[in-house]
Amino acid sequence: MAHGDGYFYNEFSYQLPQGNIDLLNNIIKLMLVVGYTPDVDAHVDYSDVSGFEVVGLGYGAGGETLTGKSLTRAVYTTFKASDITWINLGVAAVSHAILIDTTLDCLLCCWEFTNFPDGGNYLINFDPTGIFDI
């Protein structure tokens, strides 16, 4: 899925080892933003990024809930989820996609986008080997 650079938010790195983030049972959403510059130190929750969230036909506030989530343990623990499709997404530009744990209200990670929706269906195709390793 990642088109450009990806970042983990420091709040995610802080909350995860404390056991506050449950990637399988908490509600994890992928939201789209425009004109956003990631600040992995200062941005910790939805209120820090909500002003950048896209608005348009086919997009619901807060983003799409991840389904088909799984964790696989090997050398690293890999987080996976099903791909996401926005139908007839009426948004001209997207700068980043942000994963957020909405149960805890914690930003997890984000990816820079280099291609943009064209008014049709917009597929976020996660890497089949996983979204990220921890």
N, C-alpha and C. Protein backbone atom coordinates (compact mmCIF):
# COMPACT_ATOMS: atom_id res chain seq x y z
N MET A 1 0.80 -1.19 0.00
CA MET A 1 0.00 0.00 0.00
C MET A 1 0.85 1.25 0.00
N ALA A 2 1.92 1.25 0.72
CA ALA A 2 2.69 2.47 0.89
C ALA A 2 3.20 2.97 -0.45
N HIS A 3 2.87 4.20 -0.76
CA HIS A 3 3.31 4.82 -2.00
C HIS A 3 4.60 5.59 -1.78
N GLY A 4 4.77 6.10 -0.58
CA GLY A 4 5.95 6.89 -0.24
C GLY A 4 6.43 6.50 1.14
N ASP A 5 6.98 7.48 1.83
CA ASP A 5 7.52 7.22 3.16
C ASP A 5 6.43 6.83 4.14
N GLY A 6 6.79 5.99 5.11
CA GLY A 6 5.89 5.61 6.19
C GLY A 6 6.49 5.97 7.52
N TYR A 7 5.62 6.24 8.50
CA TYR A 7 6.07 6.68 9.82
C TYR A 7 5.24 5.99 10.91
N PHE A 8 5.88 5.64 12.01
CA PHE A 8 5.17 5.23 13.22
C PHE A 8 5.10 6.45 14.13
N TYR A 9 3.93 6.67 14.72
CA TYR A 9 3.79 7.73 15.71
C TYR A 9 4.39 7.26 17.03
N ASN A 10 5.05 8.16 17.73
CA ASN A 10 5.69 7.80 18.99
C ASN A 10 4.68 7.38 20.06
N GLU A 11 3.46 7.91 19.98
CA GLU A 11 2.43 7.50 20.95
C GLU A 11 2.11 6.01 20.81
N PHE A 12 2.12 5.51 19.57
CA PHE A 12 1.92 4.07 19.33
C PHE A 12 3.04 3.28 19.99
N SER A 13 4.27 3.73 19.82
CA SER A 13 5.42 3.05 20.42
C SER A 13 5.37 3.09 21.94
N TYR A 14 4.72 4.10 22.49
CA TYR A 14 4.58 4.23 23.94
C TYR A 14 3.44 3.34 24.47
N GLN A 15 2.31 3.34 23.77
CA GLN A 15 1.12 2.62 24.24
C GLN A 15 1.20 1.11 24.03
N LEU A 16 1.84 0.66 22.97
CA LEU A 16 1.87 -0.76 22.64
C LEU A 16 2.50 -1.62 23.73
N PRO A 17 3.70 -1.33 24.21
CA PRO A 17 4.30 -2.21 25.22
C PRO A 17 3.58 -2.16 26.57
N GLN A 18 2.73 -1.16 26.77
CA GLN A 18 1.95 -1.09 28.01
C GLN A 18 0.70 -1.96 27.94
N GLY A 19 0.45 -2.52 26.76
CA GLY A 19 -0.72 -3.38 26.58
C GLY A 19 -2.01 -2.62 26.33
N ASN A 20 -1.91 -1.33 26.03
CA ASN A 20 -3.12 -0.53 25.81
C ASN A 20 -3.68 -0.67 24.40
N ILE A 21 -2.86 -1.10 23.46
CA ILE A 21 -3.31 -1.25 22.07
C ILE A 21 -3.48 -2.74 21.79
N ASP A 22 -4.69 -3.10 21.41
CA ASP A 22 -5.01 -4.47 21.03
C ASP A 22 -5.37 -4.44 19.55
N LEU A 23 -4.42 -4.75 18.69
CA LEU A 23 -4.62 -4.61 17.24
C LEU A 23 -5.74 -5.50 16.72
N LEU A 24 -6.02 -6.60 17.38
CA LEU A 24 -7.07 -7.51 16.90
C LEU A 24 -8.45 -7.15 17.41
N ASN A 25 -8.56 -6.65 18.63
CA ASN A 25 -9.88 -6.41 19.22
C ASN A 25 -10.30 -4.95 19.26
N ASN A 26 -9.35 -4.02 19.25
CA ASN A 26 -9.71 -2.61 19.18
C ASN A 26 -10.15 -2.27 17.76
N ILE A 27 -10.91 -1.20 17.63
CA ILE A 27 -11.32 -0.73 16.30
C ILE A 27 -10.17 0.06 15.70
N ILE A 28 -9.64 -0.46 14.60
CA ILE A 28 -8.55 0.19 13.88
C ILE A 28 -9.11 0.71 12.55
N LYS A 29 -8.89 1.98 12.27
CA LYS A 29 -9.41 2.58 11.04
C LYS A 29 -8.28 3.16 10.22
N LEU A 30 -8.52 3.25 8.92
CA LEU A 30 -7.61 3.92 7.99
C LEU A 30 -8.32 5.17 7.51
N MET A 31 -7.71 6.32 7.77
CA MET A 31 -8.31 7.58 7.33
C MET A 31 -7.40 8.24 6.30
N LEU A 32 -8.01 9.04 5.45
CA LEU A 32 -7.29 9.75 4.41
C LEU A 32 -7.23 11.23 4.77
N VAL A 33 -6.07 11.84 4.53
CA VAL A 33 -5.89 13.25 4.85
C VAL A 33 -5.25 13.97 3.66
N VAL A 34 -5.37 15.29 3.65
CA VAL A 34 -4.82 16.10 2.59
C VAL A 34 -4.06 17.28 3.21
N GLY A 35 -2.94 17.66 2.60
CA GLY A 35 -2.16 18.79 3.08
C GLY A 35 -1.54 18.57 4.45
N TYR A 36 -1.28 17.34 4.76
CA TYR A 36 -0.81 16.96 6.10
C TYR A 36 0.71 16.78 6.11
N THR A 37 1.33 17.27 7.18
CA THR A 37 2.74 17.02 7.43
C THR A 37 2.85 16.24 8.73
N PRO A 38 3.31 15.00 8.67
CA PRO A 38 3.37 14.19 9.89
C PRO A 38 4.31 14.80 10.94
N ASP A 39 3.86 14.75 12.18
CA ASP A 39 4.69 15.12 13.32
C ASP A 39 4.57 13.97 14.31
N VAL A 40 5.48 13.02 14.23
CA VAL A 40 5.36 11.78 15.00
C VAL A 40 5.49 12.00 16.50
N ASP A 41 6.02 13.15 16.91
CA ASP A 41 6.13 13.46 18.33
C ASP A 41 4.89 14.15 18.87
N ALA A 42 4.42 15.17 18.17
CA ALA A 42 3.32 16.00 18.68
C ALA A 42 1.94 15.45 18.37
N HIS A 43 1.78 14.71 17.30
CA HIS A 43 0.47 14.17 16.93
C HIS A 43 0.26 12.83 17.62
N VAL A 44 -0.78 12.77 18.46
CA VAL A 44 -1.01 11.56 19.25
C VAL A 44 -2.41 10.97 19.05
N ASP A 45 -3.41 11.81 18.71
CA ASP A 45 -4.78 11.31 18.61
C ASP A 45 -5.53 11.97 17.45
N TYR A 46 -6.79 11.57 17.29
CA TYR A 46 -7.60 12.02 16.16
C TYR A 46 -7.70 13.54 16.08
N SER A 47 -7.81 14.20 17.22
CA SER A 47 -7.96 15.66 17.20
C SER A 47 -6.75 16.36 16.57
N ASP A 48 -5.60 15.71 16.60
CA ASP A 48 -4.39 16.30 16.02
C ASP A 48 -4.38 16.25 14.49
N VAL A 49 -5.20 15.38 13.89
CA VAL A 49 -5.19 15.22 12.44
C VAL A 49 -6.56 15.43 11.79
N SER A 50 -7.60 15.58 12.60
CA SER A 50 -8.97 15.66 12.06
C SER A 50 -9.16 16.84 11.12
N GLY A 51 -8.44 17.93 11.33
CA GLY A 51 -8.56 19.10 10.45
C GLY A 51 -8.02 18.87 9.05
N PHE A 52 -7.27 17.79 8.87
CA PHE A 52 -6.70 17.46 7.56
C PHE A 52 -7.48 16.36 6.84
N GLU A 53 -8.46 15.78 7.54
CA GLU A 53 -9.20 14.66 6.95
C GLU A 53 -9.94 15.10 5.70
N VAL A 54 -9.91 14.25 4.68
CA VAL A 54 -10.59 14.58 3.42
C VAL A 54 -12.09 14.61 3.63
N VAL A 55 -12.76 15.37 2.80
CA VAL A 55 -14.21 15.46 2.80
C VAL A 55 -14.65 15.28 1.35
N GLY A 56 -15.61 14.41 1.12
CA GLY A 56 -16.08 14.24 -0.24
C GLY A 56 -16.96 13.03 -0.39
N LEU A 57 -17.57 12.94 -1.54
CA LEU A 57 -18.45 11.84 -1.87
C LEU A 57 -17.71 10.51 -1.72
N GLY A 58 -18.36 9.56 -1.07
CA GLY A 58 -17.78 8.23 -0.94
C GLY A 58 -16.85 8.05 0.24
N TYR A 59 -16.64 9.12 1.02
CA TYR A 59 -15.74 9.04 2.17
C TYR A 59 -16.50 9.40 3.43
N GLY A 60 -16.46 8.54 4.43
CA GLY A 60 -17.10 8.81 5.72
C GLY A 60 -16.09 9.30 6.73
N ALA A 61 -16.48 10.29 7.51
CA ALA A 61 -15.58 10.86 8.53
C ALA A 61 -15.04 9.76 9.43
N GLY A 62 -13.76 9.83 9.71
CA GLY A 62 -13.11 8.85 10.57
C GLY A 62 -12.45 7.72 9.81
N GLY A 63 -12.77 7.58 8.53
CA GLY A 63 -12.14 6.55 7.70
C GLY A 63 -12.87 5.22 7.72
N GLU A 64 -12.21 4.21 7.21
CA GLU A 64 -12.78 2.86 7.09
C GLU A 64 -12.19 1.93 8.14
N THR A 65 -13.05 1.12 8.72
CA THR A 65 -12.62 0.15 9.72
C THR A 65 -11.92 -1.03 9.05
N LEU A 66 -10.78 -1.41 9.58
CA LEU A 66 -10.06 -2.57 9.05
C LEU A 66 -10.78 -3.85 9.44
N THR A 67 -10.84 -4.76 8.49
CA THR A 67 -11.43 -6.08 8.73
C THR A 67 -10.37 -7.13 8.41
N GLY A 68 -10.65 -8.36 8.77
CA GLY A 68 -9.74 -9.45 8.46
C GLY A 68 -8.38 -9.28 9.11
N LYS A 69 -8.35 -8.67 10.29
CA LYS A 69 -7.08 -8.39 10.97
C LYS A 69 -6.48 -9.69 11.51
N SER A 70 -5.14 -9.75 11.46
CA SER A 70 -4.43 -10.90 12.03
C SER A 70 -3.04 -10.50 12.45
N LEU A 71 -2.50 -11.28 13.38
CA LEU A 71 -1.11 -11.14 13.81
C LEU A 71 -0.43 -12.48 13.58
N THR A 72 0.75 -12.44 12.98
CA THR A 72 1.52 -13.65 12.73
C THR A 72 2.89 -13.48 13.37
N ARG A 73 3.30 -14.48 14.12
CA ARG A 73 4.59 -14.40 14.79
C ARG A 73 5.61 -15.28 14.07
N ALA A 74 6.71 -14.67 13.70
CA ALA A 74 7.86 -15.37 13.12
C ALA A 74 9.09 -14.70 13.73
N VAL A 75 9.96 -14.16 12.89
CA VAL A 75 11.08 -13.38 13.42
C VAL A 75 10.52 -12.11 14.07
N TYR A 76 9.52 -11.50 13.42
CA TYR A 76 8.80 -10.34 13.94
C TYR A 76 7.34 -10.72 14.05
N THR A 77 6.57 -9.90 14.72
CA THR A 77 5.12 -10.06 14.71
C THR A 77 4.58 -9.16 13.61
N THR A 78 3.82 -9.75 12.68
CA THR A 78 3.32 -9.04 11.51
C THR A 78 1.83 -8.79 11.64
N PHE A 79 1.43 -7.54 11.42
CA PHE A 79 0.03 -7.14 11.45
C PHE A 79 -0.50 -7.09 10.02
N LYS A 80 -1.61 -7.80 9.78
CA LYS A 80 -2.23 -7.83 8.45
C LYS A 80 -3.70 -7.46 8.57
N ALA A 81 -4.29 -7.02 7.46
CA ALA A 81 -5.72 -6.74 7.38
C ALA A 81 -6.14 -6.81 5.91
N SER A 82 -7.44 -6.90 5.71
CA SER A 82 -7.99 -6.94 4.35
C SER A 82 -7.83 -5.58 3.68
N ASP A 83 -7.74 -5.59 2.35
CA ASP A 83 -7.67 -4.36 1.58
C ASP A 83 -8.93 -3.53 1.79
N ILE A 84 -8.83 -2.24 1.52
CA ILE A 84 -9.96 -1.32 1.67
C ILE A 84 -10.25 -0.66 0.33
N THR A 85 -11.53 -0.54 0.00
CA THR A 85 -11.94 0.16 -1.22
C THR A 85 -12.97 1.22 -0.88
N TRP A 86 -12.70 2.44 -1.31
CA TRP A 86 -13.70 3.49 -1.24
C TRP A 86 -14.37 3.53 -2.60
N ILE A 87 -15.69 3.46 -2.63
CA ILE A 87 -16.47 3.43 -3.87
C ILE A 87 -16.76 4.86 -4.32
N ASN A 88 -16.46 5.16 -5.59
CA ASN A 88 -16.70 6.48 -6.17
C ASN A 88 -16.19 7.60 -5.28
N LEU A 89 -14.93 7.51 -4.91
CA LEU A 89 -14.35 8.48 -4.00
C LEU A 89 -14.20 9.83 -4.70
N GLY A 90 -14.96 10.80 -4.26
CA GLY A 90 -14.96 12.13 -4.86
C GLY A 90 -14.01 13.07 -4.16
N VAL A 91 -12.75 12.72 -4.11
CA VAL A 91 -11.72 13.52 -3.45
C VAL A 91 -10.61 13.75 -4.46
N ALA A 92 -10.18 14.99 -4.61
CA ALA A 92 -9.20 15.32 -5.65
C ALA A 92 -7.78 14.91 -5.27
N ALA A 93 -7.44 15.01 -4.00
CA ALA A 93 -6.06 14.73 -3.61
C ALA A 93 -6.03 14.11 -2.21
N VAL A 94 -5.09 13.24 -2.01
CA VAL A 94 -4.84 12.64 -0.71
C VAL A 94 -3.34 12.72 -0.48
N SER A 95 -2.92 13.26 0.66
CA SER A 95 -1.48 13.35 0.92
C SER A 95 -0.97 12.16 1.73
N HIS A 96 -1.81 11.65 2.65
CA HIS A 96 -1.39 10.55 3.52
C HIS A 96 -2.59 9.68 3.91
N ALA A 97 -2.29 8.46 4.28
CA ALA A 97 -3.26 7.57 4.93
C ALA A 97 -2.75 7.35 6.35
N ILE A 98 -3.66 7.40 7.32
CA ILE A 98 -3.28 7.27 8.72
C ILE A 98 -4.05 6.12 9.35
N LEU A 99 -3.33 5.21 10.01
CA LEU A 99 -3.96 4.16 10.80
C LEU A 99 -4.15 4.70 12.21
N ILE A 100 -5.38 4.54 12.74
CA ILE A 100 -5.69 5.04 14.07
C ILE A 100 -6.47 3.98 14.84
N ASP A 101 -6.09 3.79 16.09
CA ASP A 101 -6.83 2.94 17.01
C ASP A 101 -7.91 3.82 17.60
N THR A 102 -9.16 3.68 17.13
CA THR A 102 -10.22 4.56 17.59
C THR A 102 -10.75 4.15 18.96
N THR A 103 -10.49 2.93 19.38
CA THR A 103 -10.89 2.51 20.72
C THR A 103 -10.09 3.29 21.76
N LEU A 104 -8.80 3.42 21.54
CA LEU A 104 -7.90 4.13 22.47
C LEU A 104 -7.72 5.60 22.06
N ASP A 105 -8.11 5.95 20.82
CA ASP A 105 -7.85 7.26 20.23
C ASP A 105 -6.35 7.53 20.18
N CYS A 106 -5.67 6.65 19.46
CA CYS A 106 -4.21 6.73 19.34
C CYS A 106 -3.81 6.57 17.88
N LEU A 107 -3.01 7.50 17.38
CA LEU A 107 -2.46 7.38 16.03
C LEU A 107 -1.40 6.30 16.02
N LEU A 108 -1.45 5.40 15.03
CA LEU A 108 -0.49 4.31 14.95
C LEU A 108 0.62 4.61 13.96
N CYS A 109 0.26 4.82 12.70
CA CYS A 109 1.26 5.05 11.66
C CYS A 109 0.60 5.74 10.48
N CYS A 110 1.43 6.26 9.58
CA CYS A 110 0.90 6.90 8.38
C CYS A 110 1.83 6.66 7.20
N TRP A 111 1.26 6.81 6.01
CA TRP A 111 2.02 6.65 4.76
C TRP A 111 1.74 7.83 3.86
N GLU A 112 2.77 8.27 3.19
CA GLU A 112 2.67 9.34 2.20
C GLU A 112 2.12 8.75 0.90
N PHE A 113 1.25 9.49 0.24
CA PHE A 113 0.70 9.05 -1.05
C PHE A 113 1.35 9.82 -2.18
N THR A 114 1.59 9.12 -3.28
CA THR A 114 2.12 9.78 -4.47
C THR A 114 1.18 9.64 -5.67
N ASN A 115 0.10 8.87 -5.51
CA ASN A 115 -0.94 8.85 -6.55
C ASN A 115 -2.26 9.19 -5.89
N PHE A 116 -3.19 9.70 -6.66
CA PHE A 116 -4.38 10.30 -6.09
C PHE A 116 -5.65 9.69 -6.69
N PRO A 117 -6.76 9.78 -5.94
CA PRO A 117 -8.03 9.29 -6.46
C PRO A 117 -8.43 10.06 -7.71
N ASP A 118 -9.18 9.39 -8.58
CA ASP A 118 -9.63 10.04 -9.81
C ASP A 118 -11.14 10.10 -9.92
N GLY A 119 -11.83 9.96 -8.79
CA GLY A 119 -13.29 10.00 -8.79
C GLY A 119 -13.92 8.64 -8.92
N GLY A 120 -13.12 7.61 -9.14
CA GLY A 120 -13.64 6.25 -9.22
C GLY A 120 -13.42 5.53 -7.91
N ASN A 121 -13.40 4.22 -7.99
CA ASN A 121 -13.12 3.43 -6.80
C ASN A 121 -11.65 3.58 -6.44
N TYR A 122 -11.37 3.69 -5.15
CA TYR A 122 -10.01 3.90 -4.68
C TYR A 122 -9.63 2.76 -3.77
N LEU A 123 -8.70 1.93 -4.23
CA LEU A 123 -8.29 0.73 -3.52
C LEU A 123 -7.01 0.97 -2.74
N ILE A 124 -7.05 0.63 -1.47
CA ILE A 124 -5.84 0.57 -0.65
C ILE A 124 -5.48 -0.90 -0.57
N ASN A 125 -4.45 -1.25 -1.29
CA ASN A 125 -4.02 -2.64 -1.41
C ASN A 125 -2.83 -2.85 -0.49
N PHE A 126 -3.11 -3.41 0.69
CA PHE A 126 -2.02 -3.66 1.64
C PHE A 126 -1.08 -4.72 1.11
N ASP A 127 0.18 -4.58 1.45
CA ASP A 127 1.18 -5.57 1.07
C ASP A 127 0.76 -6.93 1.62
N PRO A 128 0.76 -7.97 0.79
CA PRO A 128 0.31 -9.29 1.27
C PRO A 128 1.20 -9.87 2.37
N THR A 129 2.41 -9.35 2.52
CA THR A 129 3.27 -9.84 3.61
C THR A 129 2.98 -9.15 4.92
N GLY A 130 2.13 -8.10 4.91
CA GLY A 130 1.73 -7.44 6.13
C GLY A 130 1.75 -5.93 6.01
N ILE A 131 0.99 -5.28 6.89
CA ILE A 131 0.95 -3.83 6.93
C ILE A 131 2.21 -3.30 7.60
N PHE A 132 2.57 -3.93 8.73
CA PHE A 132 3.82 -3.59 9.40
C PHE A 132 4.25 -4.71 10.31
N ASP A 133 5.53 -4.70 10.66
CA ASP A 133 6.13 -5.65 11.60
C ASP A 133 6.46 -4.92 12.89
N ILE A 134 6.30 -5.63 14.00
CA ILE A 134 6.69 -5.06 15.29
C ILE A 134 7.55 -6.06 16.04
